[in-house]
PDB file of N, CA and C in Angstrom:
ATOM      1  N   MET A   1     -77.144  15.158 -78.984  1.00  0.00           N
ATOM      2  CA  MET A   1     -76.969  13.737 -79.219  1.00  0.00           C
ATOM      3  C   MET A   1     -75.675  13.177 -79.619  1.00  0.00           C
ATOM      4  N   THR A   2     -74.806  14.197 -79.996  1.00  0.00           N
ATOM      5  CA  THR A   2     -73.472  13.848 -80.408  1.00  0.00           C
ATOM      6  C   THR A   2     -72.672  13.989 -79.029  1.00  0.00           C
ATOM      7  N   ARG A   3     -72.908  14.582 -78.290  1.00  0.00           N
ATOM      8  CA  ARG A   3     -72.344  14.717 -76.750  1.00  0.00           C
ATOM      9  C   ARG A   3     -72.268  13.409 -75.983  1.00  0.00           C
ATOM     10  N   LYS A   4     -73.647  12.930 -76.049  1.00  0.00           N
ATOM     11  CA  LYS A   4     -73.440  11.501 -75.340  1.00  0.00           C
ATOM     12  C   LYS A   4     -72.797  10.155 -75.925  1.00  0.00           C
ATOM     13  N   THR A   5     -72.595  10.243 -77.290  1.00  0.00           N
ATOM     14  CA  THR A   5     -71.757   9.482 -77.947  1.00  0.00           C
ATOM     15  C   THR A   5     -70.410   9.585 -77.710  1.00  0.00           C
ATOM     16  N   SER A   6     -70.056  10.917 -77.970  1.00  0.00           N
ATOM     17  CA  SER A   6     -68.665  11.408 -77.515  1.00  0.00           C
ATOM     18  C   SER A   6     -68.230  11.039 -76.243  1.00  0.00           C
ATOM     19  N   ALA A   7     -69.134  11.372 -75.137  1.00  0.00           N
ATOM     20  CA  ALA A   7     -68.784  11.352 -73.911  1.00  0.00           C
ATOM     21  C   ALA A   7     -68.674   9.746 -73.410  1.00  0.00           C
ATOM     22  N   ASN A   8     -69.186   8.701 -73.868  1.00  0.00           N
ATOM     23  CA  ASN A   8     -69.072   7.460 -73.500  1.00  0.00           C
ATOM     24  C   ASN A   8     -67.743   7.107 -74.335  1.00  0.00           C
ATOM     25  N   PRO A   9     -66.605   6.574 -73.508  1.00  0.00           N
ATOM     26  CA  PRO A   9     -65.511   6.135 -74.302  1.00  0.00           C
ATOM     27  C   PRO A   9     -65.511   4.714 -74.973  1.00  0.00           C
ATOM     28  N   TRP A  10     -66.315   3.868 -74.497  1.00  0.00           N
ATOM     29  CA  TRP A  10     -66.582   2.399 -75.293  1.00  0.00           C
ATOM     30  C   TRP A  10     -67.305   2.628 -76.581  1.00  0.00           C
ATOM     31  N   LEU A  11     -68.151   3.360 -76.525  1.00  0.00           N
ATOM     32  CA  LEU A  11     -68.938   3.447 -77.776  1.00  0.00           C
ATOM     33  C   LEU A  11     -68.074   4.389 -78.795  1.00  0.00           C
ATOM     34  N   LYS A  12     -67.227   5.356 -78.581  1.00  0.00           N
ATOM     35  CA  LYS A  12     -66.158   5.814 -79.313  1.00  0.00           C
ATOM     36  C   LYS A  12     -65.248   5.129 -79.714  1.00  0.00           C
ATOM     37  N   PHE A  13     -65.027   3.983 -78.949  1.00  0.00           N
ATOM     38  CA  PHE A  13     -63.710   2.843 -79.270  1.00  0.00           C
ATOM     39  C   PHE A  13     -64.360   2.215 -80.369  1.00  0.00           C
ATOM     40  N   LEU A  14     -65.599   1.607 -80.031  1.00  0.00           N
ATOM     41  CA  LEU A  14     -66.278   0.454 -80.744  1.00  0.00           C
ATOM     42  C   LEU A  14     -66.638   1.121 -82.332  1.00  0.00           C
ATOM     43  N   SER A  15     -66.923   2.519 -82.086  1.00  0.00           N
ATOM     44  CA  SER A  15     -67.503   2.914 -83.348  1.00  0.00           C
ATOM     45  C   SER A  15     -66.124   3.297 -84.584  1.00  0.00           C
ATOM     46  N   ASN A  16     -64.996   3.098 -84.035  1.00  0.00           N
ATOM     47  CA  ASN A  16     -63.755   3.237 -84.888  1.00  0.00           C
ATOM     48  C   ASN A  16     -64.073   2.197 -85.931  1.00  0.00           C
ATOM     49  N   ARG A  17     -63.570   2.583 -87.198  1.00  0.00           N
ATOM     50  CA  ARG A  17     -64.002   1.543 -88.159  1.00  0.00           C
ATOM     51  C   ARG A  17     -62.861   0.533 -88.357  1.00  0.00           C
ATOM     52  N   TYR A  18     -61.517   0.744 -87.833  1.00  0.00           N
ATOM     53  CA  TYR A  18     -60.614  -0.292 -87.880  1.00  0.00           C
ATOM     54  C   TYR A  18     -60.967  -1.433 -86.732  1.00  0.00           C
ATOM     55  N   VAL A  19     -61.450  -0.868 -85.654  1.00  0.00           N
ATOM     56  CA  VAL A  19     -61.963  -1.860 -84.470  1.00  0.00           C
ATOM     57  C   VAL A  19     -63.074  -2.548 -84.819  1.00  0.00           C
ATOM     58  N   LEU A  20     -63.947  -1.983 -85.745  1.00  0.00           N
ATOM     59  CA  LEU A  20     -65.153  -2.817 -86.325  1.00  0.00           C
ATOM     60  C   LEU A  20     -64.790  -4.033 -87.269  1.00  0.00           C
ATOM     61  N   ILE A  21     -63.686  -3.285 -88.150  1.00  0.00           N
ATOM     62  CA  ILE A  21     -63.341  -4.390 -89.241  1.00  0.00           C
ATOM     63  C   ILE A  21     -62.349  -5.415 -88.555  1.00  0.00           C
ATOM     64  N   THR A  22     -61.800  -5.239 -87.578  1.00  0.00           N
ATOM     65  CA  THR A  22     -61.099  -6.348 -86.921  1.00  0.00           C
ATOM     66  C   THR A  22     -62.116  -7.212 -86.258  1.00  0.00           C
ATOM     67  N   LEU A  23     -63.122  -6.579 -85.400  1.00  0.00           N
ATOM     68  CA  LEU A  23     -64.111  -7.376 -84.729  1.00  0.00           C
ATOM     69  C   LEU A  23     -64.635  -8.097 -85.783  1.00  0.00           C
ATOM     70  N   ALA A  24     -65.083  -7.639 -86.926  1.00  0.00           N
ATOM     71  CA  ALA A  24     -66.005  -8.476 -87.790  1.00  0.00           C
ATOM     72  C   ALA A  24     -64.965  -9.535 -88.405  1.00  0.00           C
ATOM     73  N   PHE A  25     -63.640  -9.567 -88.566  1.00  0.00           N
ATOM     74  CA  PHE A  25     -62.722 -10.205 -89.038  1.00  0.00           C
ATOM     75  C   PHE A  25     -62.640 -11.421 -88.146  1.00  0.00           C
ATOM     76  N   VAL A  26     -62.322 -11.231 -86.694  1.00  0.00           N
ATOM     77  CA  VAL A  26     -62.379 -12.213 -85.719  1.00  0.00           C
ATOM     78  C   VAL A  26     -63.571 -13.085 -85.796  1.00  0.00           C
ATOM     79  N   ILE A  27     -64.503 -12.244 -85.767  1.00  0.00           N
ATOM     80  CA  ILE A  27     -65.982 -13.284 -85.623  1.00  0.00           C
ATOM     81  C   ILE A  27     -65.998 -14.041 -86.553  1.00  0.00           C
ATOM     82  N   TRP A  28     -65.525 -13.521 -87.939  1.00  0.00           N
ATOM     83  CA  TRP A  28     -65.693 -14.541 -89.064  1.00  0.00           C
ATOM     84  C   TRP A  28     -64.834 -15.682 -88.968  1.00  0.00           C
ATOM     85  N   MET A  29     -63.767 -15.358 -88.794  1.00  0.00           N
ATOM     86  CA  MET A  29     -62.635 -16.581 -88.418  1.00  0.00           C
ATOM     87  C   MET A  29     -63.001 -17.434 -87.272  1.00  0.00           C
ATOM     88  N   PHE A  30     -63.476 -16.953 -86.058  1.00  0.00           N
ATOM     89  CA  PHE A  30     -63.899 -17.818 -85.239  1.00  0.00           C
ATOM     90  C   PHE A  30     -64.920 -18.839 -85.427  1.00  0.00           C
ATOM     91  N   PHE A  31     -66.167 -18.257 -86.154  1.00  0.00           N
ATOM     92  CA  PHE A  31     -67.508 -19.117 -86.051  1.00  0.00           C
ATOM     93  C   PHE A  31     -67.818 -19.603 -87.708  1.00  0.00           C
ATOM     94  N   PHE A  32     -67.465 -18.489 -88.849  1.00  0.00           N
ATOM     95  CA  PHE A  32     -67.968 -18.981 -89.910  1.00  0.00           C
ATOM     96  C   PHE A  32     -66.829 -19.601 -91.048  1.00  0.00           C
ATOM     97  N   ASP A  33     -65.645 -19.511 -90.889  1.00  0.00           N
ATOM     98  CA  ASP A  33     -64.571 -19.652 -91.543  1.00  0.00           C
ATOM     99  C   ASP A  33     -64.564 -21.161 -91.764  1.00  0.00           C
ATOM    100  N   THR A  34     -64.024 -21.832 -92.929  1.00  0.00           N
ATOM    101  CA  THR A  34     -64.041 -23.236 -93.109  1.00  0.00           C
ATOM    102  C   THR A  34     -62.804 -23.911 -91.706  1.00  0.00           C
ATOM    103  N   ASN A  35     -61.968 -23.038 -91.407  1.00  0.00           N
ATOM    104  CA  ASN A  35     -61.116 -23.301 -90.365  1.00  0.00           C
ATOM    105  C   ASN A  35     -61.399 -22.779 -89.060  1.00  0.00           C
ATOM    106  N   SER A  36     -62.786 -22.917 -88.710  1.00  0.00           N
ATOM    107  CA  SER A  36     -63.354 -22.145 -87.461  1.00  0.00           C
ATOM    108  C   SER A  36     -62.919 -23.071 -86.098  1.00  0.00           C
ATOM    109  N   TYR A  37     -63.491 -22.514 -85.011  1.00  0.00           N
ATOM    110  CA  TYR A  37     -63.101 -23.350 -83.687  1.00  0.00           C
ATOM    111  C   TYR A  37     -63.894 -24.430 -83.736  1.00  0.00           C
ATOM    112  N   SER A  38     -65.137 -24.461 -83.989  1.00  0.00           N
ATOM    113  CA  SER A  38     -65.812 -25.954 -84.116  1.00  0.00           C
ATOM    114  C   SER A  38     -65.228 -26.907 -84.801  1.00  0.00           C
ATOM    115  N   ILE A  39     -64.914 -26.585 -85.838  1.00  0.00           N
ATOM    116  CA  ILE A  39     -64.330 -27.489 -86.666  1.00  0.00           C
ATOM    117  C   ILE A  39     -62.986 -28.017 -85.955  1.00  0.00           C
ATOM    118  N   HIS A  40     -61.857 -27.380 -85.668  1.00  0.00           N
ATOM    119  CA  HIS A  40     -61.024 -27.608 -85.054  1.00  0.00           C
ATOM    120  C   HIS A  40     -61.282 -28.440 -83.613  1.00  0.00           C
ATOM    121  N   LYS A  41     -62.213 -28.109 -82.961  1.00  0.00           N
ATOM    122  CA  LYS A  41     -62.440 -29.005 -81.955  1.00  0.00           C
ATOM    123  C   LYS A  41     -63.111 -30.283 -82.105  1.00  0.00           C
ATOM    124  N   GLU A  42     -63.845 -30.460 -83.279  1.00  0.00           N
ATOM    125  CA  GLU A  42     -64.356 -31.885 -83.816  1.00  0.00           C
ATOM    126  C   GLU A  42     -63.328 -32.513 -84.331  1.00  0.00           C
ATOM    127  N   LEU A  43     -62.123 -32.031 -84.948  1.00  0.00           N
ATOM    128  CA  LEU A  43     -60.908 -32.709 -85.377  1.00  0.00           C
ATOM    129  C   LEU A  43     -60.174 -33.058 -84.322  1.00  0.00           C
ATOM    130  N   ASN A  44     -59.972 -32.214 -83.316  1.00  0.00           N
ATOM    131  CA  ASN A  44     -59.216 -32.595 -82.234  1.00  0.00           C
ATOM    132  C   ASN A  44     -59.712 -33.828 -81.352  1.00  0.00           C
ATOM    133  N   ASP A  45     -61.084 -33.705 -81.366  1.00  0.00           N
ATOM    134  CA  ASP A  45     -61.807 -35.078 -80.396  1.00  0.00           C
ATOM    135  C   ASP A  45     -61.623 -36.191 -81.408  1.00  0.00           C
ATOM    136  N   GLU A  46     -61.654 -36.110 -82.496  1.00  0.00           N
ATOM    137  CA  GLU A  46     -61.528 -37.390 -83.369  1.00  0.00           C
ATOM    138  C   GLU A  46     -60.079 -37.710 -83.421  1.00  0.00           C
ATOM    139  N   ILE A  47     -58.948 -36.909 -83.297  1.00  0.00           N
ATOM    140  CA  ILE A  47     -57.688 -37.353 -82.874  1.00  0.00           C
ATOM    141  C   ILE A  47     -57.703 -38.239 -81.801  1.00  0.00           C
ATOM    142  N   ASP A  48     -58.355 -37.674 -80.814  1.00  0.00           N
ATOM    143  CA  ASP A  48     -58.386 -38.308 -79.497  1.00  0.00           C
ATOM    144  C   ASP A  48     -58.720 -39.566 -79.493  1.00  0.00           C
ATOM    145  N   VAL A  49     -59.976 -39.604 -80.171  1.00  0.00           N
ATOM    146  CA  VAL A  49     -60.379 -41.138 -80.280  1.00  0.00           C
ATOM    147  C   VAL A  49     -59.537 -42.047 -81.289  1.00  0.00           C
ATOM    148  N   LEU A  50     -59.039 -41.509 -82.150  1.00  0.00           N
ATOM    149  CA  LEU A  50     -58.313 -42.344 -83.177  1.00  0.00           C
ATOM    150  C   LEU A  50     -56.757 -42.862 -82.371  1.00  0.00           C
ATOM    151  N   GLU A  51     -56.184 -41.809 -81.556  1.00  0.00           N
ATOM    152  CA  GLU A  51     -55.203 -42.331 -80.600  1.00  0.00           C
ATOM    153  C   GLU A  51     -55.418 -43.253 -79.698  1.00  0.00           C
ATOM    154  N   GLN A  52     -56.901 -43.301 -78.904  1.00  0.00           N
ATOM    155  CA  GLN A  52     -56.879 -44.139 -78.149  1.00  0.00           C
ATOM    156  C   GLN A  52     -56.928 -45.455 -78.846  1.00  0.00           C
ATOM    157  N   ARG A  53     -57.814 -45.562 -79.972  1.00  0.00           N
ATOM    158  CA  ARG A  53     -57.843 -46.972 -80.434  1.00  0.00           C
ATOM    159  C   ARG A  53     -56.597 -47.304 -81.172  1.00  0.00           C
ATOM    160  N   LYS A  54     -55.474 -46.529 -81.389  1.00  0.00           N
ATOM    161  CA  LYS A  54     -54.288 -46.885 -81.796  1.00  0.00           C
ATOM    162  C   LYS A  54     -53.438 -47.671 -80.607  1.00  0.00           C
ATOM    163  N   SER A  55     -53.486 -46.785 -79.471  1.00  0.00           N
ATOM    164  CA  SER A  55     -53.115 -47.455 -78.255  1.00  0.00           C
ATOM    165  C   SER A  55     -53.602 -48.914 -78.203  1.00  0.00           C
ATOM    166  N   GLN A  56     -55.023 -49.200 -78.149  1.00  0.00           N
ATOM    167  CA  GLN A  56     -55.586 -50.559 -77.870  1.00  0.00           C
ATOM    168  C   GLN A  56     -55.143 -51.297 -78.923  1.00  0.00           C
ATOM    169  N   TYR A  57     -55.242 -51.058 -80.076  1.00  0.00           N
ATOM    170  CA  TYR A  57     -54.494 -51.820 -81.354  1.00  0.00           C
ATOM    171  C   TYR A  57     -53.018 -52.235 -81.068  1.00  0.00           C
ATOM    172  N   GLN A  58     -52.518 -51.262 -80.472  1.00  0.00           N
ATOM    173  CA  GLN A  58     -51.048 -51.760 -80.093  1.00  0.00           C
ATOM    174  C   GLN A  58     -50.637 -52.760 -79.102  1.00  0.00           C
ATOM    175  N   GLU A  59     -51.895 -52.704 -78.039  1.00  0.00           N
ATOM    176  CA  GLU A  59     -51.799 -53.603 -77.126  1.00  0.00           C
ATOM    177  C   GLU A  59     -52.310 -55.102 -77.683  1.00  0.00           C
ATOM    178  N   ASP A  60     -53.193 -54.943 -78.327  1.00  0.00           N
ATOM    179  CA  ASP A  60     -53.845 -56.304 -79.131  1.00  0.00           C
ATOM    180  C   ASP A  60     -52.578 -56.959 -79.873  1.00  0.00           C
ATOM    181  N   ILE A  61     -51.875 -56.179 -80.532  1.00  0.00           N
ATOM    182  CA  ILE A  61     -51.052 -56.780 -81.470  1.00  0.00           C
ATOM    183  C   ILE A  61     -49.814 -57.258 -80.306  1.00  0.00           C
ATOM    184  N   ALA A  62     -49.345 -56.548 -79.328  1.00  0.00           N
ATOM    185  CA  ALA A  62     -48.463 -57.128 -78.436  1.00  0.00           C
ATOM    186  C   ALA A  62     -48.967 -58.388 -77.767  1.00  0.00           C
ATOM    187  N   LYS A  63     -50.311 -58.545 -77.441  1.00  0.00           N
ATOM    188  CA  LYS A  63     -50.801 -59.801 -76.922  1.00  0.00           C
ATOM    189  C   LYS A  63     -50.960 -60.922 -78.087  1.00  0.00           C
ATOM    190  N   ASP A  64     -51.297 -60.467 -79.270  1.00  0.00           N
ATOM    191  CA  ASP A  64     -51.120 -61.499 -80.222  1.00  0.00           C
ATOM    192  C   ASP A  64     -49.465 -62.109 -80.583  1.00  0.00           C
ATOM    193  N   LYS A  65     -48.603 -60.973 -80.630  1.00  0.00           N
ATOM    194  CA  LYS A  65     -47.224 -61.568 -80.704  1.00  0.00           C
ATOM    195  C   LYS A  65     -46.535 -62.528 -79.779  1.00  0.00           C
ATOM    196  N   ALA A  66     -47.311 -62.201 -78.143  1.00  0.00           N
ATOM    197  CA  ALA A  66     -46.915 -63.225 -77.200  1.00  0.00           C
ATOM    198  C   ALA A  66     -47.451 -64.446 -77.290  1.00  0.00           C
ATOM    199  N   PHE A  67     -48.700 -64.433 -77.893  1.00  0.00           N
ATOM    200  CA  PHE A  67     -49.482 -65.807 -78.252  1.00  0.00           C
ATOM    201  C   PHE A  67     -48.736 -66.548 -79.266  1.00  0.00           C
ATOM    202  N   ILE A  68     -48.350 -65.869 -80.371  1.00  0.00           N
ATOM    203  CA  ILE A  68     -47.542 -66.383 -81.366  1.00  0.00           C
ATOM    204  C   ILE A  68     -46.403 -66.880 -81.089  1.00  0.00           C
ATOM    205  N   GLU A  69     -45.716 -66.231 -80.300  1.00  0.00           N
ATOM    206  CA  GLU A  69     -44.425 -66.878 -79.696  1.00  0.00           C
ATOM    207  C   GLU A  69     -44.620 -67.952 -78.833  1.00  0.00           C
ATOM    208  N   GLN A  70     -45.393 -68.216 -77.968  1.00  0.00           N
ATOM    209  CA  GLN A  70     -45.911 -69.107 -76.919  1.00  0.00           C
ATOM    210  C   GLN A  70     -46.297 -70.548 -78.293  1.00  0.00           C
ATOM    211  N   MET A  71     -46.990 -70.139 -79.231  1.00  0.00           N
ATOM    212  CA  MET A  71     -47.329 -71.105 -80.097  1.00  0.00           C
ATOM    213  C   MET A  71     -46.247 -71.753 -80.955  1.00  0.00           C
ATOM    214  N   SER A  72     -45.113 -71.332 -80.807  1.00  0.00           N
ATOM    215  CA  SER A  72     -44.080 -71.433 -81.798  1.00  0.00           C
ATOM    216  C   SER A  72     -43.641 -72.916 -80.818  1.00  0.00           C
ATOM    217  N   ASP A  73     -43.529 -73.015 -79.742  1.00  0.00           N
ATOM    218  CA  ASP A  73     -43.340 -74.366 -78.818  1.00  0.00           C
ATOM    219  C   ASP A  73     -44.444 -75.481 -79.576  1.00  0.00           C
ATOM    220  N   THR A  74     -43.866 -76.500 -79.918  1.00  0.00           N
ATOM    221  CA  THR A  74     -45.092 -77.496 -80.166  1.00  0.00           C
ATOM    222  C   THR A  74     -45.914 -78.176 -79.192  1.00  0.00           C
ATOM    223  N   THR A  75     -45.250 -78.574 -77.943  1.00  0.00           N
ATOM    224  CA  THR A  75     -45.872 -78.812 -76.808  1.00  0.00           C
ATOM    225  C   THR A  75     -47.126 -77.903 -76.498  1.00  0.00           C
ATOM    226  N   GLU A  76     -46.791 -76.469 -76.362  1.00  0.00           N
ATOM    227  CA  GLU A  76     -47.961 -75.555 -75.920  1.00  0.00           C
ATOM    228  C   GLU A  76     -48.956 -75.386 -77.133  1.00  0.00           C
ATOM    229  N   MET A  77     -48.667 -75.773 -78.507  1.00  0.00           N
ATOM    230  CA  MET A  77     -49.467 -75.871 -79.655  1.00  0.00           C
ATOM    231  C   MET A  77     -50.386 -77.074 -79.373  1.00  0.00           C
ATOM    232  N   GLU A  78     -49.916 -78.117 -79.304  1.00  0.00           N
ATOM    233  CA  GLU A  78     -50.710 -79.283 -78.979  1.00  0.00           C
ATOM    234  C   GLU A  78     -51.731 -79.260 -77.541  1.00  0.00           C
ATOM    235  N   LYS A  79     -51.087 -78.650 -76.596  1.00  0.00           N
ATOM    236  CA  LYS A  79     -51.833 -78.459 -75.465  1.00  0.00           C
ATOM    237  C   LYS A  79     -53.073 -77.393 -75.970  1.00  0.00           C
ATOM    238  N   TYR A  80     -52.688 -76.333 -76.574  1.00  0.00           N
ATOM    239  CA  TYR A  80     -54.097 -75.441 -76.957  1.00  0.00           C
ATOM    240  C   TYR A  80     -54.847 -76.129 -77.749  1.00  0.00           C
ATOM    241  N   ALA A  81     -54.354 -76.808 -78.752  1.00  0.00           N
ATOM    242  CA  ALA A  81     -55.161 -77.698 -79.812  1.00  0.00           C
ATOM    243  C   ALA A  81     -56.015 -78.667 -78.964  1.00  0.00           C
ATOM    244  N   ARG A  82     -55.430 -79.231 -78.335  1.00  0.00           N
ATOM    245  CA  ARG A  82     -56.245 -80.154 -77.523  1.00  0.00           C
ATOM    246  C   ARG A  82     -57.593 -79.567 -76.456  1.00  0.00           C
ATOM    247  N   SER A  83     -57.315 -78.573 -75.760  1.00  0.00           N
ATOM    248  CA  SER A  83     -57.921 -77.923 -74.971  1.00  0.00           C
ATOM    249  C   SER A  83     -59.209 -76.994 -75.840  1.00  0.00           C
ATOM    250  N   LYS A  84     -58.569 -76.345 -76.592  1.00  0.00           N
ATOM    251  CA  LYS A  84     -59.696 -75.567 -77.319  1.00  0.00           C
ATOM    252  C   LYS A  84     -60.478 -76.050 -78.531  1.00  0.00           C
ATOM    253  N   TYR A  85     -59.961 -77.076 -79.260  1.00  0.00           N
ATOM    254  CA  TYR A  85     -60.626 -77.763 -80.024  1.00  0.00           C
ATOM    255  C   TYR A  85     -60.771 -79.279 -80.000  1.00  0.00           C
ATOM    256  N   TYR A  86     -60.406 -79.785 -79.092  1.00  0.00           N
ATOM    257  CA  TYR A  86     -60.674 -81.188 -78.921  1.00  0.00           C
ATOM    258  C   TYR A  86     -59.843 -82.196 -79.774  1.00  0.00           C
ATOM    259  N   LEU A  87     -58.867 -81.633 -80.347  1.00  0.00           N
ATOM    260  CA  LEU A  87     -57.948 -82.448 -81.134  1.00  0.00           C
ATOM    261  C   LEU A  87     -57.245 -83.677 -80.643  1.00  0.00           C
ATOM    262  N   LYS A  88     -57.158 -85.072 -81.206  1.00  0.00           N
ATOM    263  CA  LYS A  88     -56.531 -85.726 -80.519  1.00  0.00           C
ATOM    264  C   LYS A  88     -55.577 -86.477 -81.583  1.00  0.00           C
ATOM    265  N   LYS A  89     -54.670 -87.338 -80.830  1.00  0.00           N
ATOM    266  CA  LYS A  89     -53.589 -87.873 -81.659  1.00  0.00           C
ATOM    267  C   LYS A  89     -54.299 -89.298 -82.364  1.00  0.00           C
ATOM    268  N   GLU A  90     -53.481 -90.081 -83.292  1.00  0.00           N
ATOM    269  CA  GLU A  90     -54.147 -90.940 -83.868  1.00  0.00           C
ATOM    270  C   GLU A  90     -54.050 -92.394 -82.743  1.00  0.00           C
ATOM    271  N   ASN A  91     -54.924 -93.092 -82.728  1.00  0.00           N
ATOM    272  CA  ASN A  91     -55.230 -94.321 -81.906  1.00  0.00           C
ATOM    273  C   ASN A  91     -55.320 -93.668 -80.750  1.00  0.00           C
ATOM    274  N   GLU A  92     -56.030 -92.704 -80.714  1.00  0.00           N
ATOM    275  CA  GLU A  92     -56.440 -92.281 -79.201  1.00  0.00           C
ATOM    276  C   GLU A  92     -57.964 -91.789 -79.072  1.00  0.00           C
ATOM    277  N   THR A  93     -58.596 -92.242 -77.947  1.00  0.00           N
ATOM    278  CA  THR A  93     -59.781 -91.980 -77.764  1.00  0.00           C
ATOM    279  C   THR A  93     -59.971 -90.780 -76.625  1.00  0.00           C
ATOM    280  N   ILE A  94     -60.921 -89.628 -76.886  1.00  0.00           N
ATOM    281  CA  ILE A  94     -61.190 -88.796 -75.939  1.00  0.00           C
ATOM    282  C   ILE A  94     -62.664 -88.893 -75.417  1.00  0.00           C
ATOM    283  N   TYR A  95     -62.728 -89.002 -74.234  1.00  0.00           N
ATOM    284  CA  TYR A  95     -64.076 -88.738 -73.604  1.00  0.00           C
ATOM    285  C   TYR A  95     -64.283 -87.617 -73.114  1.00  0.00           C
ATOM    286  N   ILE A  96     -65.609 -87.012 -73.302  1.00  0.00           N
ATOM    287  CA  ILE A  96     -65.984 -85.549 -72.766  1.00  0.00           C
ATOM    288  C   ILE A  96     -66.988 -86.022 -71.721  1.00  0.00           C
ATOM    289  N   ILE A  97     -66.704 -85.439 -70.572  1.00  0.00           N
ATOM    290  CA  ILE A  97     -67.442 -85.888 -69.419  1.00  0.00           C
ATOM    291  C   ILE A  97     -68.390 -84.520 -68.783  1.00  0.00           C
ATOM    292  N   ASP A  98     -69.649 -84.728 -69.318  1.00  0.00           N
ATOM    293  CA  ASP A  98     -70.471 -83.528 -68.689  1.00  0.00           C
ATOM    294  C   ASP A  98     -71.147 -83.952 -67.569  1.00  0.00           C
ATOM    295  N   HIS A  99     -70.726 -82.963 -66.304  1.00  0.00           N
ATOM    296  CA  HIS A  99     -71.464 -83.428 -65.231  1.00  0.00           C
ATOM    297  C   HIS A  99     -72.770 -82.975 -65.104  1.00  0.00           C
ATOM    298  N   GLN A 100     -73.748 -83.706 -64.572  1.00  0.00           N
ATOM    299  CA  GLN A 100     -75.211 -83.204 -64.351  1.00  0.00           C
ATOM    300  C   GLN A 100     -75.491 -81.959 -63.823  1.00  0.00           C
ATOM    301  N   ASP A 101     -74.872 -81.372 -62.937  1.00  0.00           N
ATOM    302  CA  ASP A 101     -74.951 -80.098 -62.632  1.00  0.00           C
ATOM    303  C   ASP A 101     -74.602 -78.906 -63.625  1.00  0.00           C
ATOM    304  N   SER A 102     -73.407 -79.396 -64.289  1.00  0.00           N
ATOM    305  CA  SER A 102     -73.065 -78.206 -65.330  1.00  0.00           C
ATOM    306  C   SER A 102     -73.964 -77.999 -66.493  1.00  0.00           C
ATOM    307  N   THR A 103     -74.688 -79.273 -67.031  1.00  0.00           N
ATOM    308  CA  THR A 103     -75.638 -79.046 -68.040  1.00  0.00           C
ATOM    309  C   THR A 103     -77.199 -78.532 -67.769  1.00  0.00           C
ATOM    310  N   ASN A 104     -77.356 -78.829 -66.571  1.00  0.00           N
ATOM    311  CA  ASN A 104     -78.648 -78.082 -65.726  1.00  0.00           C
ATOM    312  C   ASN A 104     -78.242 -76.708 -65.625  1.00  0.00           C
ATOM    313  N   ALA A 105     -77.239 -76.224 -65.374  1.00  0.00           N
ATOM    314  CA  ALA A 105     -76.960 -74.681 -65.253  1.00  0.00           C
ATOM    315  C   ALA A 105     -77.009 -74.088 -66.710  1.00  0.00           C
ATOM    316  N   GLN A 106     -76.468 -74.796 -67.421  1.00  0.00           N
ATOM    317  CA  GLN A 106     -76.377 -74.302 -68.919  1.00  0.00           C
ATOM    318  C   GLN A 106     -78.050 -74.084 -69.590  1.00  0.00           C
ATOM    319  N   ASP A 107     -78.695 -75.236 -69.164  1.00  0.00           N
ATOM    320  CA  ASP A 107     -79.993 -75.323 -69.857  1.00  0.00           C
ATOM    321  C   ASP A 107     -80.656 -74.174 -69.259  1.00  0.00           C
ATOM    322  N   LYS A 108     -80.673 -73.794 -67.925  1.00  0.00           N
ATOM    323  CA  LYS A 108     -81.523 -72.898 -67.319  1.00  0.00           C
ATOM    324  C   LYS A 108     -81.165 -71.291 -67.751  1.00  0.00           C
ATOM    325  N   LYS A 109     -80.055 -71.364 -68.401  1.00  0.00           N
ATOM    326  CA  LYS A 109     -79.806 -69.951 -68.891  1.00  0.00           C
ATOM    327  C   LYS A 109     -80.353 -69.779 -70.180  1.00  0.00           C
TER     328      LYS A 109
END
C-alpha cells in the first residue's frame, strides 16, 4: 500500500505537512476569516452603490445651484412665483381658466 501512495506524485505532494498547513491557512483566510473574500465583495459592492449615490447627489447639487443662481434675479423669481404658486401683485386680479377638455381628462384618470 505504501508503494501506491509513493507512486502518485500528487498525493505525495499533498501529504506534505507544510502544504497541508498552507492549504488550510489559505482556505481559512479565503472563507472563514473576518476579512474573507465574501465580506470584501459585499463591502466593494456597497462602495459602488455609495459612489453612484454620491455622483447623483452632486448632480442634484449642481442643478440646485443653477436654480438658486437663476432665482437671484428678481424678475425670474417673480415669474417662477406667479407660475408655480399663483402669486399676484397688490391691486391685481388673476383668473385661472380651466378648459372643459382638460378637466374631463383629469376626472377620467
